[in-house]
C-alpha atoms as a PDB file:
ATOM      1  CA  UNK A   1       0.000   0.000   0.000  1.00  0.00           C
ATOM      2  CA  UNK A   2       1.219   3.424  -0.863  1.00  0.00           C
ATOM      3  CA  UNK A   3       2.518   5.322   2.234  1.00  0.00           C
ATOM      4  CA  UNK A   4       0.285   8.317   1.451  1.00  0.00           C
ATOM      5  CA  UNK A   5      -2.825   6.109   1.364  1.00  0.00           C
ATOM      6  CA  UNK A   6      -1.858   4.452   4.624  1.00  0.00           C
ATOM      7  CA  UNK A   7      -1.377   7.853   6.259  1.00  0.00           C
ATOM      8  CA  UNK A   8      -4.789   9.131   5.075  1.00  0.00           C
ATOM      9  CA  UNK A   9      -6.480   5.967   6.307  1.00  0.00           C
ATOM     10  CA  UNK A  10      -5.150   6.381   9.794  1.00  0.00           C
ATOM     11  CA  UNK A  11      -5.782  10.140   9.921  1.00  0.00           C
ATOM     12  CA  UNK A  12      -8.279  11.167  12.601  1.00  0.00           C
ATOM     13  CA  UNK A  13     -11.106  13.352  11.398  1.00  0.00           C
ATOM     14  CA  UNK A  14     -12.528  16.033  13.711  1.00  0.00           C
ATOM     15  CA  UNK A  15     -15.744  14.990  15.472  1.00  0.00           C
ATOM     16  CA  UNK A  16     -18.382  17.484  16.587  1.00  0.00           C
ATOM     17  CA  UNK A  17     -20.469  16.300  19.512  1.00  0.00           C
ATOM     18  CA  UNK A  18     -23.736  18.165  20.182  1.00  0.00           C
ATOM     19  CA  UNK A  19     -24.942  17.873  23.756  1.00  0.00           C
ATOM     20  CA  UNK A  20     -27.905  19.558  25.468  1.00  0.00           C
ATOM     21  CA  UNK A  21     -27.064  22.325  27.861  1.00  0.00           C
ATOM     22  CA  UNK A  22     -27.799  21.868  31.523  1.00  0.00           C
ATOM     23  CA  UNK A  23     -28.270  25.602  32.079  1.00  0.00           C
ATOM     24  CA  UNK A  24     -30.566  28.219  30.559  1.00  0.00           C
ATOM     25  CA  UNK A  25     -30.621  28.286  26.753  1.00  0.00           C
ATOM     26  CA  UNK A  26     -31.168  31.187  24.380  1.00  0.00           C
ATOM     27  CA  UNK A  27     -34.727  32.051  23.412  1.00  0.00           C
ATOM     28  CA  UNK A  28     -33.788  32.244  19.719  1.00  0.00           C
ATOM     29  CA  UNK A  29     -36.296  34.976  18.906  1.00  0.00           C
ATOM     30  CA  UNK A  30     -34.900  35.210  15.398  1.00  0.00           C
ATOM     31  CA  UNK A  31     -36.248  31.752  14.574  1.00  0.00           C
ATOM     32  CA  UNK A  32     -39.665  32.752  15.868  1.00  0.00           C
ATOM     33  CA  UNK A  33     -39.699  35.654  13.434  1.00  0.00           C
ATOM     34  CA  UNK A  34     -38.532  33.476  10.548  1.00  0.00           C
ATOM     35  CA  UNK A  35     -41.401  31.049  11.180  1.00  0.00           C
ATOM     36  CA  UNK A  36     -44.071  33.742  11.577  1.00  0.00           C
ATOM     37  CA  UNK A  37     -45.994  32.403   8.562  1.00  0.00           C
ATOM     38  CA  UNK A  38     -46.280  29.038  10.281  1.00  0.00           C
ATOM     39  CA  UNK A  39     -47.705  30.825  13.319  1.00  0.00           C
ATOM     40  CA  UNK A  40     -50.377  32.398  11.140  1.00  0.00           C
ATOM     41  CA  UNK A  41     -51.237  29.035   9.572  1.00  0.00           C
ATOM     42  CA  UNK A  42     -51.528  27.328  12.971  1.00  0.00           C
ATOM     43  CA  UNK A  43     -53.759  30.112  14.292  1.00  0.00           C
ATOM     44  CA  UNK A  44     -56.031  29.793  11.267  1.00  0.00           C
ATOM     45  CA  UNK A  45     -56.061  26.005  11.640  1.00  0.00           C
ATOM     46  CA  UNK A  46     -57.032  26.227  15.322  1.00  0.00           C
ATOM     47  CA  UNK A  47     -59.884  28.607  14.522  1.00  0.00           C
ATOM     48  CA  UNK A  48     -61.251  26.374  11.752  1.00  0.00           C
ATOM     49  CA  UNK A  49     -60.893  23.120  13.701  1.00  0.00           C
ATOM     50  CA  UNK A  50     -62.592  24.608  16.762  1.00  0.00           C
ATOM     51  CA  UNK A  51     -65.876  25.160  14.940  1.00  0.00           C
ATOM     52  CA  UNK A  52     -65.659  22.442  12.307  1.00  0.00           C
ATOM     53  CA  UNK A  53     -68.795  20.259  12.146  1.00  0.00           C
ATOM     54  CA  UNK A  54     -70.561  22.283  14.836  1.00  0.00           C
ATOM     55  CA  UNK A  55     -74.199  23.323  14.521  1.00  0.00           C
ATOM     56  CA  UNK A  56     -73.766  26.785  16.027  1.00  0.00           C
ATOM     57  CA  UNK A  57     -70.230  27.536  14.847  1.00  0.00           C
ATOM     58  CA  UNK A  58     -68.837  30.851  16.064  1.00  0.00           C
ATOM     59  CA  UNK A  59     -71.999  31.412  18.131  1.00  0.00           C
ATOM     60  CA  UNK A  60     -70.331  29.346  20.853  1.00  0.00           C
ATOM     61  CA  UNK A  61     -67.934  32.258  21.411  1.00  0.00           C
ATOM     62  CA  UNK A  62     -70.978  34.371  22.302  1.00  0.00           C
ATOM     63  CA  UNK A  63     -72.975  31.790  24.220  1.00  0.00           C
ATOM     64  CA  UNK A  64     -70.343  30.870  26.790  1.00  0.00           C
ATOM     65  CA  UNK A  65     -69.914  34.314  28.426  1.00  0.00           C
ATOM     66  CA  UNK A  66     -73.553  35.243  27.735  1.00  0.00           C
ATOM     67  CA  UNK A  67     -75.026  32.203  29.496  1.00  0.00           C
ATOM     68  CA  UNK A  68     -72.556  32.580  32.360  1.00  0.00           C
ATOM     69  CA  UNK A  69     -73.616  36.231  32.677  1.00  0.00           C
ATOM     70  CA  UNK A  70     -77.288  35.251  32.893  1.00  0.00           C
ATOM     71  CA  UNK A  71     -76.600  32.627  35.561  1.00  0.00           C
ATOM     72  CA  UNK A  72     -74.434  34.983  37.610  1.00  0.00           C
ATOM     73  CA  UNK A  73     -77.027  37.738  37.303  1.00  0.00           C
ATOM     74  CA  UNK A  74     -79.806  35.507  38.669  1.00  0.00           C
ATOM     75  CA  UNK A  75     -77.892  33.851  41.504  1.00  0.00           C
ATOM     76  CA  UNK A  76     -75.422  36.545  42.543  1.00  0.00           C
ATOM     77  CA  UNK A  77     -77.096  39.735  41.349  1.00  0.00           C
ATOM     78  CA  UNK A  78     -80.754  38.989  42.140  1.00  0.00           C
ATOM     79  CA  UNK A  79     -80.677  36.360  44.881  1.00  0.00           C
ATOM     80  CA  UNK A  80     -77.401  37.012  46.715  1.00  0.00           C
ATOM     81  CA  UNK A  81     -77.491  40.784  46.059  1.00  0.00           C
ATOM     82  CA  UNK A  82     -73.762  40.970  45.389  1.00  0.00           C
ATOM     83  CA  UNK A  83     -72.824  44.657  44.894  1.00  0.00           C
ATOM     84  CA  UNK A  84     -71.564  45.806  41.517  1.00  0.00           C
ATOM     85  CA  UNK A  85     -70.142  49.283  42.245  1.00  0.00           C
ATOM     86  CA  UNK A  86     -73.127  51.123  40.803  1.00  0.00           C
ATOM     87  CA  UNK A  87     -73.016  49.228  37.495  1.00  0.00           C
ATOM     88  CA  UNK A  88     -75.975  47.131  36.264  1.00  0.00           C
ATOM     89  CA  UNK A  89     -75.015  43.603  37.263  1.00  0.00           C
ATOM     90  CA  UNK A  90     -75.324  42.065  33.758  1.00  0.00           C
ATOM     91  CA  UNK A  91     -72.839  44.640  32.457  1.00  0.00           C
ATOM     92  CA  UNK A  92     -70.629  44.185  35.506  1.00  0.00           C
ATOM     93  CA  UNK A  93     -70.493  40.409  35.085  1.00  0.00           C
ATOM     94  CA  UNK A  94     -70.069  40.396  31.311  1.00  0.00           C
ATOM     95  CA  UNK A  95     -67.256  42.954  31.423  1.00  0.00           C
ATOM     96  CA  UNK A  96     -65.329  40.571  33.688  1.00  0.00           C
ATOM     97  CA  UNK A  97     -66.322  37.383  31.884  1.00  0.00           C
ATOM     98  CA  UNK A  98     -65.078  38.530  28.470  1.00  0.00           C
ATOM     99  CA  UNK A  99     -61.365  38.783  29.350  1.00  0.00           C
ATOM    100  CA  UNK A 100     -61.616  35.874  31.771  1.00  0.00           C
ATOM    101  CA  UNK A 101     -63.174  33.549  29.175  1.00  0.00           C
ATOM    102  CA  UNK A 102     -60.391  34.435  26.766  1.00  0.00           C
ATOM    103  CA  UNK A 103     -57.733  33.977  29.458  1.00  0.00           C
ATOM    104  CA  UNK A 104     -59.023  30.633  30.741  1.00  0.00           C
ATOM    105  CA  UNK A 105     -59.598  29.286  27.232  1.00  0.00           C
ATOM    106  CA  UNK A 106     -56.108  30.368  26.144  1.00  0.00           C
ATOM    107  CA  UNK A 107     -54.517  28.575  29.112  1.00  0.00           C
ATOM    108  CA  UNK A 108     -56.537  25.404  28.498  1.00  0.00           C
ATOM    109  CA  UNK A 109     -55.828  25.268  24.768  1.00  0.00           C
ATOM    110  CA  UNK A 110     -52.164  26.229  24.992  1.00  0.00           C
ATOM    111  CA  UNK A 111     -51.573  23.942  27.972  1.00  0.00           C
ATOM    112  CA  UNK A 112     -52.721  20.947  25.909  1.00  0.00           C
ATOM    113  CA  UNK A 113     -51.350  22.170  22.573  1.00  0.00           C
ATOM    114  CA  UNK A 114     -48.010  20.330  22.567  1.00  0.00           C
ATOM    115  CA  UNK A 115     -49.579  16.976  23.359  1.00  0.00           C
ATOM    116  CA  UNK A 116     -52.221  17.616  20.716  1.00  0.00           C
ATOM    117  CA  UNK A 117     -49.544  18.548  18.167  1.00  0.00           C
ATOM    118  CA  UNK A 118     -47.325  15.530  18.780  1.00  0.00           C
ATOM    119  CA  UNK A 119     -47.464  14.546  15.091  1.00  0.00           C
ATOM    120  CA  UNK A 120     -45.785  17.839  14.186  1.00  0.00           C
ATOM    121  CA  UNK A 121     -43.141  17.804  16.896  1.00  0.00           C
ATOM    122  CA  UNK A 122     -41.838  14.352  16.015  1.00  0.00           C
ATOM    123  CA  UNK A 123     -41.652  14.925  12.261  1.00  0.00           C
ATOM    124  CA  UNK A 124     -40.361  18.388  11.442  1.00  0.00           C
ATOM    125  CA  UNK A 125     -38.347  21.136  13.096  1.00  0.00           C
ATOM    126  CA  UNK A 126     -39.760  24.542  13.938  1.00  0.00           C
ATOM    127  CA  UNK A 127     -39.690  26.651  17.120  1.00  0.00           C
ATOM    128  CA  UNK A 128     -41.979  24.767  19.493  1.00  0.00           C
ATOM    129  CA  UNK A 129     -43.119  27.993  21.150  1.00  0.00           C
ATOM    130  CA  UNK A 130     -45.230  28.618  18.070  1.00  0.00           C
ATOM    131  CA  UNK A 131     -47.697  25.886  19.067  1.00  0.00           C
ATOM    132  CA  UNK A 132     -48.863  27.336  22.427  1.00  0.00           C
ATOM    133  CA  UNK A 133     -48.545  30.824  20.956  1.00  0.00           C
ATOM    134  CA  UNK A 134     -50.987  29.947  18.168  1.00  0.00           C
ATOM    135  CA  UNK A 135     -53.457  28.550  20.698  1.00  0.00           C
ATOM    136  CA  UNK A 136     -53.445  31.861  22.590  1.00  0.00           C
ATOM    137  CA  UNK A 137     -53.796  34.036  19.486  1.00  0.00           C
ATOM    138  CA  UNK A 138     -56.693  31.916  18.186  1.00  0.00           C
ATOM    139  CA  UNK A 139     -58.655  32.823  21.315  1.00  0.00           C
ATOM    140  CA  UNK A 140     -58.606  36.494  20.310  1.00  0.00           C
ATOM    141  CA  UNK A 141     -61.087  35.654  17.552  1.00  0.00           C
ATOM    142  CA  UNK A 142     -63.631  34.460  20.123  1.00  0.00           C
ATOM    143  CA  UNK A 143     -62.981  37.550  22.233  1.00  0.00           C
ATOM    144  CA  UNK A 144     -63.644  39.841  19.275  1.00  0.00           C
ATOM    145  CA  UNK A 145     -66.986  38.110  18.706  1.00  0.00           C
ATOM    146  CA  UNK A 146     -67.887  38.400  22.399  1.00  0.00           C
ATOM    147  CA  UNK A 147     -67.206  42.132  22.227  1.00  0.00           C
ATOM    148  CA  UNK A 148     -70.070  42.487  19.747  1.00  0.00           C
ATOM    149  CA  UNK A 149     -72.575  41.339  22.380  1.00  0.00           C
ATOM    150  CA  UNK A 150     -71.023  43.703  24.899  1.00  0.00           C
ATOM    151  CA  UNK A 151     -71.499  46.580  22.483  1.00  0.00           C
ATOM    152  CA  UNK A 152     -75.197  45.664  22.287  1.00  0.00           C
ATOM    153  CA  UNK A 153     -75.423  45.600  26.095  1.00  0.00           C
ATOM    154  CA  UNK A 154     -73.752  49.002  26.336  1.00  0.00           C
ATOM    155  CA  UNK A 155     -76.273  50.420  23.887  1.00  0.00           C
ATOM    156  CA  UNK A 156     -79.174  48.793  25.767  1.00  0.00           C
ATOM    157  CA  UNK A 157     -78.086  50.269  29.106  1.00  0.00           C
ATOM    158  CA  UNK A 158     -77.080  53.559  27.437  1.00  0.00           C
ATOM    159  CA  UNK A 159     -73.533  53.424  28.754  1.00  0.00           C
ATOM    160  CA  UNK A 160     -71.576  56.550  27.782  1.00  0.00           C
ATOM    161  CA  UNK A 161     -68.224  56.050  26.102  1.00  0.00           C
ATOM    162  CA  UNK A 162     -65.122  57.252  27.920  1.00  0.00           C
ATOM    163  CA  UNK A 163     -61.456  57.838  27.139  1.00  0.00           C
ATOM    164  CA  UNK A 164     -60.673  54.681  29.096  1.00  0.00           C
ATOM    165  CA  UNK A 165     -61.593  52.646  26.013  1.00  0.00           C
ATOM    166  CA  UNK A 166     -58.176  53.551  24.627  1.00  0.00           C
ATOM    167  CA  UNK A 167     -56.638  51.252  27.254  1.00  0.00           C
ATOM    168  CA  UNK A 168     -58.524  48.161  26.047  1.00  0.00           C
ATOM    169  CA  UNK A 169     -55.850  47.130  23.465  1.00  0.00           C
ATOM    170  CA  UNK A 170     -52.958  47.418  25.978  1.00  0.00           C
ATOM    171  CA  UNK A 171     -55.006  45.447  28.519  1.00  0.00           C
ATOM    172  CA  UNK A 172     -55.636  42.736  25.917  1.00  0.00           C
ATOM    173  CA  UNK A 173     -51.897  42.625  25.271  1.00  0.00           C
ATOM    174  CA  UNK A 174     -51.105  42.174  28.968  1.00  0.00           C
ATOM    175  CA  UNK A 175     -53.779  39.472  29.288  1.00  0.00           C
ATOM    176  CA  UNK A 176     -52.362  37.669  26.250  1.00  0.00           C
ATOM    177  CA  UNK A 177     -48.834  37.872  27.656  1.00  0.00           C
ATOM    178  CA  UNK A 178     -49.936  36.383  30.970  1.00  0.00           C
ATOM    179  CA  UNK A 179     -51.979  33.659  29.237  1.00  0.00           C
ATOM    180  CA  UNK A 180     -49.046  32.810  26.956  1.00  0.00           C
ATOM    181  CA  UNK A 181     -46.637  32.597  29.881  1.00  0.00           C
ATOM    182  CA  UNK A 182     -48.875  30.360  31.982  1.00  0.00           C
ATOM    183  CA  UNK A 183     -50.035  28.259  29.030  1.00  0.00           C
ATOM    184  CA  UNK A 184     -46.544  27.789  27.595  1.00  0.00           C
ATOM    185  CA  UNK A 185     -45.165  26.663  30.942  1.00  0.00           C
ATOM    186  CA  UNK A 186     -48.058  24.237  31.519  1.00  0.00           C
ATOM    187  CA  UNK A 187     -47.732  22.858  27.983  1.00  0.00           C
ATOM    188  CA  UNK A 188     -44.080  21.988  28.600  1.00  0.00           C
ATOM    189  CA  UNK A 189     -44.929  20.335  31.905  1.00  0.00           C
ATOM    190  CA  UNK A 190     -47.807  18.482  30.255  1.00  0.00           C
ATOM    191  CA  UNK A 191     -45.405  16.702  27.928  1.00  0.00           C
ATOM    192  CA  UNK A 192     -43.590  15.157  30.887  1.00  0.00           C
ATOM    193  CA  UNK A 193     -46.410  14.942  33.404  1.00  0.00           C
ATOM    194  CA  UNK A 194     -49.769  14.120  31.828  1.00  0.00           C
ATOM    195  CA  UNK A 195     -51.486  14.924  35.131  1.00  0.00           C
ATOM    196  CA  UNK A 196     -51.294  18.562  34.061  1.00  0.00           C
ATOM    197  CA  UNK A 197     -54.237  18.189  31.693  1.00  0.00           C
ATOM    198  CA  UNK A 198     -56.408  17.214  34.668  1.00  0.00           C
ATOM    199  CA  UNK A 199     -54.976  19.938  36.877  1.00  0.00           C
ATOM    200  CA  UNK A 200     -55.601  22.774  34.395  1.00  0.00           C
ATOM    201  CA  UNK A 201     -59.434  22.880  34.793  1.00  0.00           C
ATOM    202  CA  UNK A 202     -59.058  22.748  38.580  1.00  0.00           C
ATOM    203  CA  UNK A 203     -56.481  25.544  38.524  1.00  0.00           C
ATOM    204  CA  UNK A 204     -58.722  27.720  36.346  1.00  0.00           C
ATOM    205  CA  UNK A 205     -61.742  27.140  38.571  1.00  0.00           C
ATOM    206  CA  UNK A 206     -59.874  28.155  41.719  1.00  0.00           C
ATOM    207  CA  UNK A 207     -58.285  31.129  39.942  1.00  0.00           C
ATOM    208  CA  UNK A 208     -61.695  32.361  38.824  1.00  0.00           C
ATOM    209  CA  UNK A 209     -63.085  32.567  42.358  1.00  0.00           C
ATOM    210  CA  UNK A 210     -60.095  34.565  43.604  1.00  0.00           C
ATOM    211  CA  UNK A 211     -60.555  37.040  40.734  1.00  0.00           C
ATOM    212  CA  UNK A 212     -63.175  39.836  40.900  1.00  0.00           C
ATOM    213  CA  UNK A 213     -65.495  38.549  38.199  1.00  0.00           C
ATOM    214  CA  UNK A 214     -68.738  37.936  40.081  1.00  0.00           C
ATOM    215  CA  UNK A 215     -67.919  40.429  42.835  1.00  0.00           C
ATOM    216  CA  UNK A 216     -66.048  43.756  43.007  1.00  0.00           C
ATOM    217  CA  UNK A 217     -62.582  43.940  44.516  1.00  0.00           C
ATOM    218  CA  UNK A 218     -63.969  46.540  46.947  1.00  0.00           C
ATOM    219  CA  UNK A 219     -65.466  43.639  48.939  1.00  0.00           C
ATOM    220  CA  UNK A 220     -61.964  42.449  49.818  1.00  0.00           C
ATOM    221  CA  UNK A 221     -60.952  43.554  53.358  1.00  0.00           C
ATOM    222  CA  UNK A 222     -58.175  46.122  53.432  1.00  0.00           C
ATOM    223  CA  UNK A 223     -55.758  43.837  55.299  1.00  0.00           C
ATOM    224  CA  UNK A 224     -55.878  41.326  52.431  1.00  0.00           C
ATOM    225  CA  UNK A 225     -55.586  43.838  49.578  1.00  0.00           C
ATOM    226  CA  UNK A 226     -51.824  43.456  49.141  1.00  0.00           C
ATOM    227  CA  UNK A 227     -52.043  39.675  49.017  1.00  0.00           C
ATOM    228  CA  UNK A 228     -55.032  39.919  46.698  1.00  0.00           C
ATOM    229  CA  UNK A 229     -53.152  42.180  44.294  1.00  0.00           C
ATOM    230  CA  UNK A 230     -50.581  39.411  43.738  1.00  0.00           C
ATOM    231  CA  UNK A 231     -53.207  37.821  41.525  1.00  0.00           C
ATOM    232  CA  UNK A 232     -52.446  39.648  38.257  1.00  0.00           C
ATOM    233  CA  UNK A 233     -55.874  38.925  36.814  1.00  0.00           C
ATOM    234  CA  UNK A 234     -57.473  40.867  39.676  1.00  0.00           C
ATOM    235  CA  UNK A 235     -55.837  44.098  38.562  1.00  0.00           C
ATOM    236  CA  UNK A 236     -56.447  43.325  34.886  1.00  0.00           C
ATOM    237  CA  UNK A 237     -60.166  42.551  35.296  1.00  0.00           C
ATOM    238  CA  UNK A 238     -60.735  45.677  37.375  1.00  0.00           C
ATOM    239  CA  UNK A 239     -58.902  47.757  34.752  1.00  0.00           C
ATOM    240  CA  UNK A 240     -61.075  46.247  32.029  1.00  0.00           C
ATOM    241  CA  UNK A 241     -64.213  47.295  33.901  1.00  0.00           C
ATOM    242  CA  UNK A 242     -62.975  50.839  34.376  1.00  0.00           C
ATOM    243  CA  UNK A 243     -61.949  51.188  30.742  1.00  0.00           C
ATOM    244  CA  UNK A 244     -65.260  49.794  29.458  1.00  0.00           C
ATOM    245  CA  UNK A 245     -67.720  51.066  32.075  1.00  0.00           C
ATOM    246  CA  UNK A 246     -65.940  53.991  33.678  1.00  0.00           C
ATOM    247  CA  UNK A 247     -68.525  56.299  32.186  1.00  0.00           C
ATOM    248  CA  UNK A 248     -71.206  54.747  34.426  1.00  0.00           C
ATOM    249  CA  UNK A 249     -69.778  55.186  37.921  1.00  0.00           C
ATOM    250  CA  UNK A 250     -66.769  57.457  37.192  1.00  0.00           C
ATOM    251  CA  UNK A 251     -64.421  54.829  38.607  1.00  0.00           C
ATOM    252  CA  UNK A 252     -60.690  55.492  38.500  1.00  0.00           C
ATOM    253  CA  UNK A 253     -57.898  53.133  37.493  1.00  0.00           C
ATOM    254  CA  UNK A 254     -55.929  51.516  40.283  1.00  0.00           C
ATOM    255  CA  UNK A 255     -52.566  52.163  38.684  1.00  0.00           C
ATOM    256  CA  UNK A 256     -50.608  50.452  41.452  1.00  0.00           C
ATOM    257  CA  UNK A 257     -52.540  47.202  41.065  1.00  0.00           C
ATOM    258  CA  UNK A 258     -52.402  47.377  37.272  1.00  0.00           C
ATOM    259  CA  UNK A 259     -48.659  48.083  37.244  1.00  0.00           C
ATOM    260  CA  UNK A 260     -48.055  45.107  39.527  1.00  0.00           C
ATOM    261  CA  UNK A 261     -50.182  42.918  37.251  1.00  0.00           C
ATOM    262  CA  UNK A 262     -48.161  44.010  34.211  1.00  0.00           C
ATOM    263  CA  UNK A 263     -44.875  43.321  35.992  1.00  0.00           C
ATOM    264  CA  UNK A 264     -46.021  39.849  37.071  1.00  0.00           C
ATOM    265  CA  UNK A 265     -47.233  39.063  33.534  1.00  0.00           C
ATOM    266  CA  UNK A 266     -43.860  39.932  32.006  1.00  0.00           C
ATOM    267  CA  UNK A 267     -41.943  38.010  34.678  1.00  0.00           C
ATOM    268  CA  UNK A 268     -44.136  34.946  34.146  1.00  0.00           C
ATOM    269  CA  UNK A 269     -43.622  35.122  30.377  1.00  0.00           C
ATOM    270  CA  UNK A 270     -39.839  35.462  30.623  1.00  0.00           C
ATOM    271  CA  UNK A 271     -39.522  32.613  33.122  1.00  0.00           C
ATOM    272  CA  UNK A 272     -41.887  30.383  31.142  1.00  0.00           C
ATOM    273  CA  UNK A 273     -40.033  31.067  27.878  1.00  0.00           C
ATOM    274  CA  UNK A 274     -36.649  30.126  29.294  1.00  0.00           C
ATOM    275  CA  UNK A 275     -38.013  27.089  31.109  1.00  0.00           C
ATOM    276  CA  UNK A 276     -39.831  26.024  27.949  1.00  0.00           C
ATOM    277  CA  UNK A 277     -36.611  26.223  25.947  1.00  0.00           C
ATOM    278  CA  UNK A 278     -34.794  24.225  28.611  1.00  0.00           C
ATOM    279  CA  UNK A 279     -37.348  21.409  28.455  1.00  0.00           C
ATOM    280  CA  UNK A 280     -37.820  21.612  24.695  1.00  0.00           C
ATOM    281  CA  UNK A 281     -34.908  19.281  23.934  1.00  0.00           C
ATOM    282  CA  UNK A 282     -36.811  16.377  25.521  1.00  0.00           C
ATOM    283  CA  UNK A 283     -40.183  16.901  23.788  1.00  0.00           C
ATOM    284  CA  UNK A 284     -39.640  14.527  20.869  1.00  0.00           C
ATOM    285  CA  UNK A 285     -38.528  11.736  23.233  1.00  0.00           C
ATOM    286  CA  UNK A 286     -41.362  12.092  25.726  1.00  0.00           C
ATOM    287  CA  UNK A 287     -44.382  13.130  23.718  1.00  0.00           C
END
């Protein structure tokens, strides 16, 4: 054998070993932007699948908060005489149910999104954050439909418009950020621990009763106000009511509570995003 051939045969080639990191990993926001068209397609798919082969279709987005409003009005407004800060109780309840229905639905759908999209995760690469993100964004369609009924209620009760309506889009953004953070974190945990899908409805039910949806936050004793404000949805729901119905009772925004809610929402999102990326490397093996 020629000496040159023998030397090339015994030459060691460089080997690159790729190992998962044990610490925090980068969020890779650039990839999320590059796959933005996939996000749009998944949002559109979730909207179509949700109402496919249903008799009422998009009417379900109206019926859920509307029926809940009627039940709350009868039992809490008429029978229990729960105060509503000078606002007609149907308006009071519906103004809280709209963002809450979106928030709870976004958490439920995003929390189960990775397990439901297992066929995608095991076959092709794309940023996995897109899946729970699409589930949250799809819920905004239902919220927009629910707003139509609220507009009818405002006209029926002759509610005057106020400048607070300008804060509705920022409040929707904060609610979406919080829902994405919670839902993304639960979706990652759900891949490893399938108990999460059973815990999500229980978590949402408990969270609802500690949020001022069927009662005003003014009922909370002063000594518990600080602890109560640690629930970010409490500040968000109250801000929604002021922005939508502030023209009725001239209520003012609780900027301290709203600022704390915004801070908690951003912290939850940042933590959930990094934790999601840390667990992402195991999805294809566990799902």
